[in-house]
Amino acid sequence: MAGKWTWKEDKCYMRLSVRLLLPKDADVEVDPKQTKLALISGLKSVFGTISVARHAFDVLIQEKIAKGVYSCVLRLDSRTLSTLWGAFTMCTMLDKYPCKFQVEQVSSSLMELASQRYLD
């Protein structure tokens, strides 16, 4: 007799906003690699080197909203969500500029990130 099985989603998705404090004359473009490097650096400084290996995440997309303001979508393991959330919000530097990382939304699927509830 075959047993029932359920799909256990072990990944979740996070919408993260990045706000850089730039001088008026600065024309800085930040790519997803720089964002991931800054987040890894923050994770390492808060929780140590081992945490970088145990708490994997990917920057799926990054778009520029305004000068110095970016929106990112990250994929991460749902078991490490609280650890990564804490480390990301403690990051204060990106490409030698002061910045603020803020978690806007967390969901179990990408479709939930694109919902009308968030867009309104």
PDB file of N, CA and C in Angstrom:
ATOM      1  N   MET A   1       0.834  -1.171   0.000  1.00  0.00           N
ATOM      2  CA  MET A   1       0.000   0.000   0.000  1.00  0.00           C
ATOM      3  C   MET A   1       0.888   1.247   0.000  1.00  0.00           C
ATOM      4  N   ALA A   2       0.668   2.054  -0.977  1.00  0.00           N
ATOM      5  CA  ALA A   2       1.459   3.275  -1.102  1.00  0.00           C
ATOM      6  C   ALA A   2       0.926   4.339  -0.149  1.00  0.00           C
ATOM      7  N   GLY A   3       1.815   4.989   0.534  1.00  0.00           N
ATOM      8  CA  GLY A   3       1.408   6.036   1.469  1.00  0.00           C
ATOM      9  C   GLY A   3       1.260   7.376   0.764  1.00  0.00           C
ATOM     10  N   LYS A   4       0.546   8.252   1.391  1.00  0.00           N
ATOM     11  CA  LYS A   4       0.394   9.595   0.851  1.00  0.00           C
ATOM     12  C   LYS A   4       1.679  10.372   1.100  1.00  0.00           C
ATOM     13  N   TRP A   5       1.946  11.267   0.220  1.00  0.00           N
ATOM     14  CA  TRP A   5       3.096  12.123   0.413  1.00  0.00           C
ATOM     15  C   TRP A   5       2.674  13.558   0.156  1.00  0.00           C
ATOM     16  N   THR A   6       3.377  14.446   0.752  1.00  0.00           N
ATOM     17  CA  THR A   6       3.105  15.866   0.547  1.00  0.00           C
ATOM     18  C   THR A   6       4.383  16.547   0.107  1.00  0.00           C
ATOM     19  N   TRP A   7       4.210  17.596  -0.617  1.00  0.00           N
ATOM     20  CA  TRP A   7       5.347  18.375  -1.087  1.00  0.00           C
ATOM     21  C   TRP A   7       5.728  19.351   0.014  1.00  0.00           C
ATOM     22  N   LYS A   8       6.898  19.149   0.573  1.00  0.00           N
ATOM     23  CA  LYS A   8       7.355  20.045   1.628  1.00  0.00           C
ATOM     24  C   LYS A   8       8.286  21.068   0.998  1.00  0.00           C
ATOM     25  N   GLU A   9       7.864  22.278   1.021  1.00  0.00           N
ATOM     26  CA  GLU A   9       8.656  23.350   0.430  1.00  0.00           C
ATOM     27  C   GLU A   9       9.729  23.775   1.432  1.00  0.00           C
ATOM     28  N   ASP A  10      10.979  23.603   1.065  1.00  0.00           N
ATOM     29  CA  ASP A  10      12.051  23.971   1.979  1.00  0.00           C
ATOM     30  C   ASP A  10      12.707  25.294   1.600  1.00  0.00           C
ATOM     31  N   LYS A  11      12.245  25.903   0.534  1.00  0.00           N
ATOM     32  CA  LYS A  11      12.770  27.204   0.122  1.00  0.00           C
ATOM     33  C   LYS A  11      11.721  28.271   0.372  1.00  0.00           C
ATOM     34  N   CYS A  12      12.189  29.473   0.631  1.00  0.00           N
ATOM     35  CA  CYS A  12      11.281  30.606   0.696  1.00  0.00           C
ATOM     36  C   CYS A  12      11.943  31.773  -0.030  1.00  0.00           C
ATOM     37  N   TYR A  13      11.168  32.789  -0.275  1.00  0.00           N
ATOM     38  CA  TYR A  13      11.624  33.926  -1.071  1.00  0.00           C
ATOM     39  C   TYR A  13      11.443  35.198  -0.263  1.00  0.00           C
ATOM     40  N   MET A  14      12.391  36.101  -0.416  1.00  0.00           N
ATOM     41  CA  MET A  14      12.403  37.327   0.370  1.00  0.00           C
ATOM     42  C   MET A  14      12.576  38.518  -0.566  1.00  0.00           C
ATOM     43  N   ARG A  15      11.722  39.520  -0.402  1.00  0.00           N
ATOM     44  CA  ARG A  15      11.907  40.788  -1.110  1.00  0.00           C
ATOM     45  C   ARG A  15      12.652  41.716  -0.158  1.00  0.00           C
ATOM     46  N   LEU A  16      13.770  42.221  -0.615  1.00  0.00           N
ATOM     47  CA  LEU A  16      14.664  43.016   0.214  1.00  0.00           C
ATOM     48  C   LEU A  16      14.882  44.360  -0.464  1.00  0.00           C
ATOM     49  N   SER A  17      14.724  45.446   0.265  1.00  0.00           N
ATOM     50  CA  SER A  17      15.039  46.755  -0.309  1.00  0.00           C
ATOM     51  C   SER A  17      16.400  47.206   0.214  1.00  0.00           C
ATOM     52  N   VAL A  18      17.145  47.836  -0.666  1.00  0.00           N
ATOM     53  CA  VAL A  18      18.486  48.326  -0.347  1.00  0.00           C
ATOM     54  C   VAL A  18      18.489  49.827  -0.601  1.00  0.00           C
ATOM     55  N   ARG A  19      18.849  50.588   0.410  1.00  0.00           N
ATOM     56  CA  ARG A  19      18.923  52.042   0.272  1.00  0.00           C
ATOM     57  C   ARG A  19      20.344  52.485   0.597  1.00  0.00           C
ATOM     58  N   LEU A  20      21.002  53.061  -0.401  1.00  0.00           N
ATOM     59  CA  LEU A  20      22.361  53.562  -0.232  1.00  0.00           C
ATOM     60  C   LEU A  20      22.325  55.043   0.108  1.00  0.00           C
ATOM     61  N   LEU A  21      23.205  55.460   0.994  1.00  0.00           N
ATOM     62  CA  LEU A  21      23.366  56.869   1.312  1.00  0.00           C
ATOM     63  C   LEU A  21      24.523  57.378   0.457  1.00  0.00           C
ATOM     64  N   LEU A  22      24.175  58.009  -0.663  1.00  0.00           N
ATOM     65  CA  LEU A  22      25.178  58.438  -1.636  1.00  0.00           C
ATOM     66  C   LEU A  22      25.354  59.949  -1.598  1.00  0.00           C
ATOM     67  N   PRO A  23      26.577  60.416  -1.877  1.00  0.00           N
ATOM     68  CA  PRO A  23      26.757  61.855  -2.082  1.00  0.00           C
ATOM     69  C   PRO A  23      25.985  62.298  -3.328  1.00  0.00           C
ATOM     70  N   LYS A  24      25.631  63.570  -3.397  1.00  0.00           N
ATOM     71  CA  LYS A  24      24.825  64.053  -4.523  1.00  0.00           C
ATOM     72  C   LYS A  24      25.507  63.852  -5.869  1.00  0.00           C
ATOM     73  N   ASP A  25      26.822  63.965  -5.900  1.00  0.00           N
ATOM     74  CA  ASP A  25      27.534  63.846  -7.176  1.00  0.00           C
ATOM     75  C   ASP A  25      27.935  62.407  -7.514  1.00  0.00           C
ATOM     76  N   ALA A  26      27.638  61.462  -6.668  1.00  0.00           N
ATOM     77  CA  ALA A  26      28.027  60.064  -6.905  1.00  0.00           C
ATOM     78  C   ALA A  26      27.068  59.406  -7.894  1.00  0.00           C
ATOM     79  N   ASP A  27      27.642  58.689  -8.838  1.00  0.00           N
ATOM     80  CA  ASP A  27      26.851  57.926  -9.808  1.00  0.00           C
ATOM     81  C   ASP A  27      27.272  56.465  -9.674  1.00  0.00           C
ATOM     82  N   VAL A  28      26.653  55.773  -8.740  1.00  0.00           N
ATOM     83  CA  VAL A  28      27.045  54.407  -8.398  1.00  0.00           C
ATOM     84  C   VAL A  28      25.968  53.439  -8.853  1.00  0.00           C
ATOM     85  N   GLU A  29      26.379  52.404  -9.551  1.00  0.00           N
ATOM     86  CA  GLU A  29      25.491  51.307  -9.932  1.00  0.00           C
ATOM     87  C   GLU A  29      25.940  50.063  -9.169  1.00  0.00           C
ATOM     88  N   VAL A  30      25.006  49.400  -8.536  1.00  0.00           N
ATOM     89  CA  VAL A  30      25.310  48.200  -7.756  1.00  0.00           C
ATOM     90  C   VAL A  30      24.725  47.000  -8.482  1.00  0.00           C
ATOM     91  N   ASP A  31      25.547  45.992  -8.705  1.00  0.00           N
ATOM     92  CA  ASP A  31      25.040  44.781  -9.358  1.00  0.00           C
ATOM     93  C   ASP A  31      24.742  43.709  -8.301  1.00  0.00           C
ATOM     94  N   PRO A  32      24.014  42.657  -8.683  1.00  0.00           N
ATOM     95  CA  PRO A  32      23.637  41.618  -7.708  1.00  0.00           C
ATOM     96  C   PRO A  32      24.828  40.943  -7.020  1.00  0.00           C
ATOM     97  N   LYS A  33      25.959  40.844  -7.714  1.00  0.00           N
ATOM     98  CA  LYS A  33      27.142  40.228  -7.094  1.00  0.00           C
ATOM     99  C   LYS A  33      27.635  41.062  -5.916  1.00  0.00           C
ATOM    100  N   GLN A  34      27.630  42.378  -6.073  1.00  0.00           N
ATOM    101  CA  GLN A  34      28.057  43.249  -4.979  1.00  0.00           C
ATOM    102  C   GLN A  34      27.088  43.165  -3.799  1.00  0.00           C
ATOM    103  N   THR A  35      25.800  43.071  -4.108  1.00  0.00           N
ATOM    104  CA  THR A  35      24.798  42.940  -3.050  1.00  0.00           C
ATOM    105  C   THR A  35      24.998  41.645  -2.283  1.00  0.00           C
ATOM    106  N   LYS A  36      25.192  40.544  -3.009  1.00  0.00           N
ATOM    107  CA  LYS A  36      25.392  39.254  -2.342  1.00  0.00           C
ATOM    108  C   LYS A  36      26.673  39.275  -1.509  1.00  0.00           C
ATOM    109  N   LEU A  37      27.728  39.875  -2.030  1.00  0.00           N
ATOM    110  CA  LEU A  37      28.984  39.964  -1.283  1.00  0.00           C
ATOM    111  C   LEU A  37      28.802  40.760   0.008  1.00  0.00           C
ATOM    112  N   ALA A  38      28.046  41.853  -0.049  1.00  0.00           N
ATOM    113  CA  ALA A  38      27.793  42.647   1.163  1.00  0.00           C
ATOM    114  C   ALA A  38      26.970  41.859   2.173  1.00  0.00           C
ATOM    115  N   LEU A  39      25.971  41.110   1.695  1.00  0.00           N
ATOM    116  CA  LEU A  39      25.151  40.307   2.599  1.00  0.00           C
ATOM    117  C   LEU A  39      25.956  39.170   3.223  1.00  0.00           C
ATOM    118  N   ILE A  40      26.828  38.545   2.439  1.00  0.00           N
ATOM    119  CA  ILE A  40      27.704  37.490   2.969  1.00  0.00           C
ATOM    120  C   ILE A  40      28.649  38.072   4.017  1.00  0.00           C
ATOM    121  N   SER A  41      29.183  39.249   3.740  1.00  0.00           N
ATOM    122  CA  SER A  41      30.082  39.900   4.693  1.00  0.00           C
ATOM    123  C   SER A  41      29.364  40.206   6.010  1.00  0.00           C
ATOM    124  N   GLY A  42      28.122  40.676   5.911  1.00  0.00           N
ATOM    125  CA  GLY A  42      27.339  40.933   7.125  1.00  0.00           C
ATOM    126  C   GLY A  42      27.028  39.664   7.891  1.00  0.00           C
ATOM    127  N   LEU A  43      26.675  38.608   7.173  1.00  0.00           N
ATOM    128  CA  LEU A  43      26.402  37.314   7.802  1.00  0.00           C
ATOM    129  C   LEU A  43      27.647  36.792   8.508  1.00  0.00           C
ATOM    130  N   LYS A  44      28.793  36.938   7.857  1.00  0.00           N
ATOM    131  CA  LYS A  44      30.056  36.467   8.434  1.00  0.00           C
ATOM    132  C   LYS A  44      30.429  37.274   9.682  1.00  0.00           C
ATOM    133  N   SER A  45      30.215  38.577   9.646  1.00  0.00           N
ATOM    134  CA  SER A  45      30.588  39.398  10.803  1.00  0.00           C
ATOM    135  C   SER A  45      29.677  39.150  12.003  1.00  0.00           C
ATOM    136  N   VAL A  46      28.423  38.801  11.754  1.00  0.00           N
ATOM    137  CA  VAL A  46      27.485  38.576  12.857  1.00  0.00           C
ATOM    138  C   VAL A  46      27.589  37.162  13.412  1.00  0.00           C
ATOM    139  N   PHE A  47      27.622  36.153  12.520  1.00  0.00           N
ATOM    140  CA  PHE A  47      27.540  34.761  12.955  1.00  0.00           C
ATOM    141  C   PHE A  47      28.789  33.925  12.680  1.00  0.00           C
ATOM    142  N   GLY A  48      29.817  34.495  12.061  1.00  0.00           N
ATOM    143  CA  GLY A  48      31.057  33.768  11.839  1.00  0.00           C
ATOM    144  C   GLY A  48      31.146  33.098  10.475  1.00  0.00           C
ATOM    145  N   THR A  49      32.326  32.556  10.197  1.00  0.00           N
ATOM    146  CA  THR A  49      32.620  31.969   8.893  1.00  0.00           C
ATOM    147  C   THR A  49      31.771  30.745   8.590  1.00  0.00           C
ATOM    148  N   ILE A  50      31.527  29.913   9.572  1.00  0.00           N
ATOM    149  CA  ILE A  50      30.756  28.685   9.355  1.00  0.00           C
ATOM    150  C   ILE A  50      29.335  28.999   8.907  1.00  0.00           C
ATOM    151  N   SER A  51      28.783  30.096   9.392  1.00  0.00           N
ATOM    152  CA  SER A  51      27.399  30.433   9.035  1.00  0.00           C
ATOM    153  C   SER A  51      27.244  30.728   7.548  1.00  0.00           C
ATOM    154  N   VAL A  52      28.287  31.220   6.908  1.00  0.00           N
ATOM    155  CA  VAL A  52      28.217  31.497   5.472  1.00  0.00           C
ATOM    156  C   VAL A  52      28.012  30.205   4.696  1.00  0.00           C
ATOM    157  N   ALA A  53      28.676  29.149   5.112  1.00  0.00           N
ATOM    158  CA  ALA A  53      28.529  27.861   4.431  1.00  0.00           C
ATOM    159  C   ALA A  53      27.194  27.195   4.755  1.00  0.00           C
ATOM    160  N   ARG A  54      26.683  27.389   5.947  1.00  0.00           N
ATOM    161  CA  ARG A  54      25.453  26.714   6.370  1.00  0.00           C
ATOM    162  C   ARG A  54      24.185  27.467   5.987  1.00  0.00           C
ATOM    163  N   HIS A  55      24.292  28.731   5.628  1.00  0.00           N
ATOM    164  CA  HIS A  55      23.121  29.556   5.328  1.00  0.00           C
ATOM    165  C   HIS A  55      23.218  30.085   3.898  1.00  0.00           C
ATOM    166  N   ALA A  56      23.002  29.215   2.947  1.00  0.00           N
ATOM    167  CA  ALA A  56      23.111  29.593   1.537  1.00  0.00           C
ATOM    168  C   ALA A  56      21.879  30.382   1.094  1.00  0.00           C
ATOM    169  N   PHE A  57      22.099  31.334   0.206  1.00  0.00           N
ATOM    170  CA  PHE A  57      21.007  32.100  -0.393  1.00  0.00           C
ATOM    171  C   PHE A  57      21.448  32.564  -1.775  1.00  0.00           C
ATOM    172  N   ASP A  58      20.484  32.913  -2.609  1.00  0.00           N
ATOM    173  CA  ASP A  58      20.755  33.381  -3.967  1.00  0.00           C
ATOM    174  C   ASP A  58      20.023  34.692  -4.200  1.00  0.00           C
ATOM    175  N   VAL A  59      20.674  35.615  -4.890  1.00  0.00           N
ATOM    176  CA  VAL A  59      20.014  36.837  -5.340  1.00  0.00           C
ATOM    177  C   VAL A  59      19.448  36.528  -6.718  1.00  0.00           C
ATOM    178  N   LEU A  60      18.128  36.372  -6.804  1.00  0.00           N
ATOM    179  CA  LEU A  60      17.500  35.997  -8.068  1.00  0.00           C
ATOM    180  C   LEU A  60      17.380  37.176  -9.015  1.00  0.00           C
ATOM    181  N   ILE A  61      16.978  38.308  -8.495  1.00  0.00           N
ATOM    182  CA  ILE A  61      16.807  39.490  -9.337  1.00  0.00           C
ATOM    183  C   ILE A  61      17.066  40.733  -8.502  1.00  0.00           C
ATOM    184  N   GLN A  62      17.579  41.745  -9.165  1.00  0.00           N
ATOM    185  CA  GLN A  62      17.785  43.032  -8.509  1.00  0.00           C
ATOM    186  C   GLN A  62      17.429  44.111  -9.511  1.00  0.00           C
ATOM    187  N   GLU A  63      16.598  45.055  -9.100  1.00  0.00           N
ATOM    188  CA  GLU A  63      16.229  46.141  -9.999  1.00  0.00           C
ATOM    189  C   GLU A  63      16.400  47.476  -9.297  1.00  0.00           C
ATOM    190  N   LYS A  64      16.769  48.465 -10.088  1.00  0.00           N
ATOM    191  CA  LYS A  64      16.966  49.804  -9.548  1.00  0.00           C
ATOM    192  C   LYS A  64      15.623  50.524  -9.528  1.00  0.00           C
ATOM    193  N   ILE A  65      15.243  51.037  -8.368  1.00  0.00           N
ATOM    194  CA  ILE A  65      13.983  51.759  -8.208  1.00  0.00           C
ATOM    195  C   ILE A  65      14.207  53.259  -8.406  1.00  0.00           C
ATOM    196  N   ALA A  66      15.240  53.774  -7.797  1.00  0.00           N
ATOM    197  CA  ALA A  66      15.609  55.185  -7.897  1.00  0.00           C
ATOM    198  C   ALA A  66      17.113  55.267  -7.640  1.00  0.00           C
ATOM    199  N   LYS A  67      17.643  56.478  -7.610  1.00  0.00           N
ATOM    200  CA  LYS A  67      19.067  56.629  -7.348  1.00  0.00           C
ATOM    201  C   LYS A  67      19.380  56.134  -5.941  1.00  0.00           C
ATOM    202  N   GLY A  68      20.195  55.086  -5.857  1.00  0.00           N
ATOM    203  CA  GLY A  68      20.589  54.533  -4.569  1.00  0.00           C
ATOM    204  C   GLY A  68      19.566  53.634  -3.914  1.00  0.00           C
ATOM    205  N   VAL A  69      18.485  53.302  -4.613  1.00  0.00           N
ATOM    206  CA  VAL A  69      17.440  52.438  -4.053  1.00  0.00           C
ATOM    207  C   VAL A  69      17.243  51.245  -4.982  1.00  0.00           C
ATOM    208  N   TYR A  70      17.382  50.052  -4.413  1.00  0.00           N
ATOM    209  CA  TYR A  70      17.254  48.820  -5.188  1.00  0.00           C
ATOM    210  C   TYR A  70      16.271  47.883  -4.506  1.00  0.00           C
ATOM    211  N   SER A  71      15.651  47.037  -5.308  1.00  0.00           N
ATOM    212  CA  SER A  71      14.773  45.991  -4.792  1.00  0.00           C
ATOM    213  C   SER A  71      15.333  44.656  -5.253  1.00  0.00           C
ATOM    214  N   CYS A  72      15.490  43.720  -4.327  1.00  0.00           N
ATOM    215  CA  CYS A  72      16.063  42.408  -4.633  1.00  0.00           C
ATOM    216  C   CYS A  72      15.081  41.318  -4.232  1.00  0.00           C
ATOM    217  N   VAL A  73      15.147  40.209  -4.955  1.00  0.00           N
ATOM    218  CA  VAL A  73      14.414  39.008  -4.568  1.00  0.00           C
ATOM    219  C   VAL A  73      15.450  37.931  -4.291  1.00  0.00           C
ATOM    220  N   LEU A  74      15.405  37.369  -3.095  1.00  0.00           N
ATOM    221  CA  LEU A  74      16.352  36.342  -2.674  1.00  0.00           C
ATOM    222  C   LEU A  74      15.636  35.014  -2.500  1.00  0.00           C
ATOM    223  N   ARG A  75      16.348  33.921  -2.796  1.00  0.00           N
ATOM    224  CA  ARG A  75      15.853  32.575  -2.498  1.00  0.00           C
ATOM    225  C   ARG A  75      16.732  32.023  -1.390  1.00  0.00           C
ATOM    226  N   LEU A  76      16.087  31.492  -0.341  1.00  0.00           N
ATOM    227  CA  LEU A  76      16.849  30.957   0.775  1.00  0.00           C
ATOM    228  C   LEU A  76      16.122  29.778   1.392  1.00  0.00           C
ATOM    229  N   ASP A  77      16.840  29.048   2.199  1.00  0.00           N
ATOM    230  CA  ASP A  77      16.279  27.890   2.891  1.00  0.00           C
ATOM    231  C   ASP A  77      15.371  28.391   4.011  1.00  0.00           C
ATOM    232  N   SER A  78      14.162  27.859   4.082  1.00  0.00           N
ATOM    233  CA  SER A  78      13.193  28.352   5.065  1.00  0.00           C
ATOM    234  C   SER A  78      13.639  28.110   6.506  1.00  0.00           C
ATOM    235  N   ARG A  79      14.484  27.107   6.735  1.00  0.00           N
ATOM    236  CA  ARG A  79      14.958  26.844   8.100  1.00  0.00           C
ATOM    237  C   ARG A  79      15.938  27.901   8.584  1.00  0.00           C
ATOM    238  N   THR A  80      16.540  28.632   7.668  1.00  0.00           N
ATOM    239  CA  THR A  80      17.523  29.648   8.047  1.00  0.00           C
ATOM    240  C   THR A  80      16.977  31.064   7.912  1.00  0.00           C
ATOM    241  N   LEU A  81      15.686  31.192   7.719  1.00  0.00           N
ATOM    242  CA  LEU A  81      15.075  32.501   7.472  1.00  0.00           C
ATOM    243  C   LEU A  81      15.365  33.497   8.589  1.00  0.00           C
ATOM    244  N   SER A  82      15.133  33.130   9.824  1.00  0.00           N
ATOM    245  CA  SER A  82      15.295  34.093  10.919  1.00  0.00           C
ATOM    246  C   SER A  82      16.753  34.513  11.096  1.00  0.00           C
ATOM    247  N   THR A  83      17.666  33.586  10.912  1.00  0.00           N
ATOM    248  CA  THR A  83      19.092  33.916  11.030  1.00  0.00           C
ATOM    249  C   THR A  83      19.509  34.891   9.943  1.00  0.00           C
ATOM    250  N   LEU A  84      19.114  34.591   8.699  1.00  0.00           N
ATOM    251  CA  LEU A  84      19.479  35.466   7.588  1.00  0.00           C
ATOM    252  C   LEU A  84      18.787  36.823   7.704  1.00  0.00           C
ATOM    253  N   TRP A  85      17.548  36.838   8.114  1.00  0.00           N
ATOM    254  CA  TRP A  85      16.811  38.093   8.282  1.00  0.00           C
ATOM    255  C   TRP A  85      17.554  39.001   9.262  1.00  0.00           C
ATOM    256  N   GLY A  86      17.965  38.444  10.380  1.00  0.00           N
ATOM    257  CA  GLY A  86      18.701  39.231  11.364  1.00  0.00           C
ATOM    258  C   GLY A  86      20.025  39.740  10.840  1.00  0.00           C
ATOM    259  N   ALA A  87      20.756  38.879  10.149  1.00  0.00           N
ATOM    260  CA  ALA A  87      22.058  39.286   9.614  1.00  0.00           C
ATOM    261  C   ALA A  87      21.901  40.350   8.533  1.00  0.00           C
ATOM    262  N   PHE A  88      20.894  40.199   7.668  1.00  0.00           N
ATOM    263  CA  PHE A  88      20.701  41.165   6.586  1.00  0.00           C
ATOM    264  C   PHE A  88      20.347  42.548   7.119  1.00  0.00           C
ATOM    265  N   THR A  89      19.512  42.605   8.139  1.00  0.00           N
ATOM    266  CA  THR A  89      19.121  43.911   8.667  1.00  0.00           C
ATOM    267  C   THR A  89      20.248  44.585   9.448  1.00  0.00           C
ATOM    268  N   MET A  90      21.275  43.824   9.823  1.00  0.00           N
ATOM    269  CA  MET A  90      22.426  44.416  10.513  1.00  0.00           C
ATOM    270  C   MET A  90      23.519  44.868   9.556  1.00  0.00           C
ATOM    271  N   CYS A  91      23.390  44.581   8.267  1.00  0.00           N
ATOM    272  CA  CYS A  91      24.378  45.039   7.285  1.00  0.00           C
ATOM    273  C   CYS A  91      24.255  46.549   7.118  1.00  0.00           C
ATOM    274  N   THR A  92      25.389  47.230   7.130  1.00  0.00           N
ATOM    275  CA  THR A  92      25.365  48.689   7.041  1.00  0.00           C
ATOM    276  C   THR A  92      26.255  49.261   5.949  1.00  0.00           C
ATOM    277  N   MET A  93      26.981  48.431   5.213  1.00  0.00           N
ATOM    278  CA  MET A  93      27.869  48.930   4.164  1.00  0.00           C
ATOM    279  C   MET A  93      27.673  48.132   2.882  1.00  0.00           C
ATOM    280  N   LEU A  94      27.681  48.857   1.766  1.00  0.00           N
ATOM    281  CA  LEU A  94      27.619  48.235   0.450  1.00  0.00           C
ATOM    282  C   LEU A  94      28.500  49.042  -0.480  1.00  0.00           C
ATOM    283  N   ASP A  95      29.534  48.418  -0.981  1.00  0.00           N
ATOM    284  CA  ASP A  95      30.468  49.065  -1.908  1.00  0.00           C
ATOM    285  C   ASP A  95      31.020  50.374  -1.333  1.00  0.00           C
ATOM    286  N   LYS A  96      31.439  50.343  -0.079  1.00  0.00           N
ATOM    287  CA  LYS A  96      32.048  51.459   0.651  1.00  0.00           C
ATOM    288  C   LYS A  96      31.086  52.606   0.954  1.00  0.00           C
ATOM    289  N   TYR A  97      29.808  52.390   0.768  1.00  0.00           N
ATOM    290  CA  TYR A  97      28.807  53.406   1.080  1.00  0.00           C
ATOM    291  C   TYR A  97      27.893  52.905   2.191  1.00  0.00           C
ATOM    292  N   PRO A  98      27.482  53.796   3.096  1.00  0.00           N
ATOM    293  CA  PRO A  98      26.517  53.378   4.118  1.00  0.00           C
ATOM    294  C   PRO A  98      25.190  52.999   3.460  1.00  0.00           C
ATOM    295  N   CYS A  99      24.547  51.991   4.003  1.00  0.00           N
ATOM    296  CA  CYS A  99      23.293  51.538   3.408  1.00  0.00           C
ATOM    297  C   CYS A  99      22.377  50.950   4.471  1.00  0.00           C
ATOM    298  N   LYS A 100      21.156  50.684   4.047  1.00  0.00           N
ATOM    299  CA  LYS A 100      20.167  50.055   4.914  1.00  0.00           C
ATOM    300  C   LYS A 100      19.491  48.951   4.115  1.00  0.00           C
ATOM    301  N   PHE A 101      19.514  47.742   4.643  1.00  0.00           N
ATOM    302  CA  PHE A 101      18.790  46.616   4.061  1.00  0.00           C
ATOM    303  C   PHE A 101      17.517  46.432   4.873  1.00  0.00           C
ATOM    304  N   GLN A 102      16.394  46.350   4.186  1.00  0.00           N
ATOM    305  CA  GLN A 102      15.119  46.176   4.879  1.00  0.00           C
ATOM    306  C   GLN A 102      14.321  45.069   4.204  1.00  0.00           C
ATOM    307  N   VAL A 103      13.852  44.114   4.996  1.00  0.00           N
ATOM    308  CA  VAL A 103      13.028  43.026   4.470  1.00  0.00           C
ATOM    309  C   VAL A 103      11.621  43.569   4.251  1.00  0.00           C
ATOM    310  N   GLU A 104      11.156  43.505   3.020  1.00  0.00           N
ATOM    311  CA  GLU A 104       9.829  44.007   2.669  1.00  0.00           C
ATOM    312  C   GLU A 104       8.766  42.919   2.744  1.00  0.00           C
ATOM    313  N   GLN A 105       9.122  41.714   2.287  1.00  0.00           N
ATOM    314  CA  GLN A 105       8.128  40.643   2.215  1.00  0.00           C
ATOM    315  C   GLN A 105       8.840  39.302   2.188  1.00  0.00           C
ATOM    316  N   VAL A 106       8.221  38.296   2.792  1.00  0.00           N
ATOM    317  CA  VAL A 106       8.711  36.919   2.764  1.00  0.00           C
ATOM    318  C   VAL A 106       7.545  36.037   2.360  1.00  0.00           C
ATOM    319  N   SER A 107       7.801  35.078   1.469  1.00  0.00           N
ATOM    320  CA  SER A 107       6.726  34.179   1.040  1.00  0.00           C
ATOM    321  C   SER A 107       7.294  32.811   0.706  1.00  0.00           C
ATOM    322  N   SER A 108       6.403  31.854   0.586  1.00  0.00           N
ATOM    323  CA  SER A 108       6.820  30.493   0.260  1.00  0.00           C
ATOM    324  C   SER A 108       6.891  30.255  -1.241  1.00  0.00           C
ATOM    325  N   SER A 109       6.401  31.200  -2.043  1.00  0.00           N
ATOM    326  CA  SER A 109       6.473  31.046  -3.500  1.00  0.00           C
ATOM    327  C   SER A 109       6.691  32.407  -4.151  1.00  0.00           C
ATOM    328  N   LEU A 110       7.193  32.372  -5.367  1.00  0.00           N
ATOM    329  CA  LEU A 110       7.410  33.614  -6.099  1.00  0.00           C
ATOM    330  C   LEU A 110       6.096  34.285  -6.483  1.00  0.00           C
ATOM    331  N   MET A 111       5.057  33.489  -6.684  1.00  0.00           N
ATOM    332  CA  MET A 111       3.754  34.056  -7.050  1.00  0.00           C
ATOM    333  C   MET A 111       3.216  34.974  -5.954  1.00  0.00           C
ATOM    334  N   GLU A 112       3.469  34.639  -4.717  1.00  0.00           N
ATOM    335  CA  GLU A 112       3.002  35.487  -3.619  1.00  0.00           C
ATOM    336  C   GLU A 112       3.728  36.828  -3.594  1.00  0.00           C
ATOM    337  N   LEU A 113       4.961  36.857  -4.067  1.00  0.00           N
ATOM    338  CA  LEU A 113       5.687  38.123  -4.122  1.00  0.00           C
ATOM    339  C   LEU A 113       5.097  39.056  -5.175  1.00  0.00           C
ATOM    340  N   ALA A 114       4.450  38.505  -6.178  1.00  0.00           N
ATOM    341  CA  ALA A 114       3.879  39.309  -7.256  1.00  0.00           C
ATOM    342  C   ALA A 114       2.405  39.609  -7.042  1.00  0.00           C
ATOM    343  N   SER A 115       1.885  39.391  -5.860  1.00  0.00           N
ATOM    344  CA  SER A 115       0.452  39.566  -5.621  1.00  0.00           C
ATOM    345  C   SER A 115       0.056  41.036  -5.651  1.00  0.00           C
ATOM    346  N   GLN A 116      -1.200  41.285  -5.924  1.00  0.00           N
ATOM    347  CA  GLN A 116      -1.735  42.635  -5.939  1.00  0.00           C
ATOM    348  C   GLN A 116      -1.664  43.273  -4.562  1.00  0.00           C
ATOM    349  N   ARG A 117      -1.749  42.469  -3.528  1.00  0.00           N
ATOM    350  CA  ARG A 117      -1.699  42.983  -2.163  1.00  0.00           C
ATOM    351  C   ARG A 117      -0.410  43.771  -1.946  1.00  0.00           C
ATOM    352  N   TYR A 118       0.694  43.306  -2.508  1.00  0.00           N
ATOM    353  CA  TYR A 118       1.964  44.003  -2.328  1.00  0.00           C
ATOM    354  C   TYR A 118       2.054  45.214  -3.253  1.00  0.00           C
ATOM    355  N   LEU A 119       1.484  45.106  -4.450  1.00  0.00           N
ATOM    356  CA  LEU A 119       1.624  46.162  -5.438  1.00  0.00           C
ATOM    357  C   LEU A 119       0.778  47.388  -5.129  1.00  0.00           C
ATOM    358  N   ASP A 120      -0.278  47.258  -4.352  1.00  0.00           N
ATOM    359  CA  ASP A 120      -1.157  48.404  -4.043  1.00  0.00           C
ATOM    360  C   ASP A 120      -0.489  49.394  -3.137  1.00  0.00           C
TER     361      ASP A 120
END
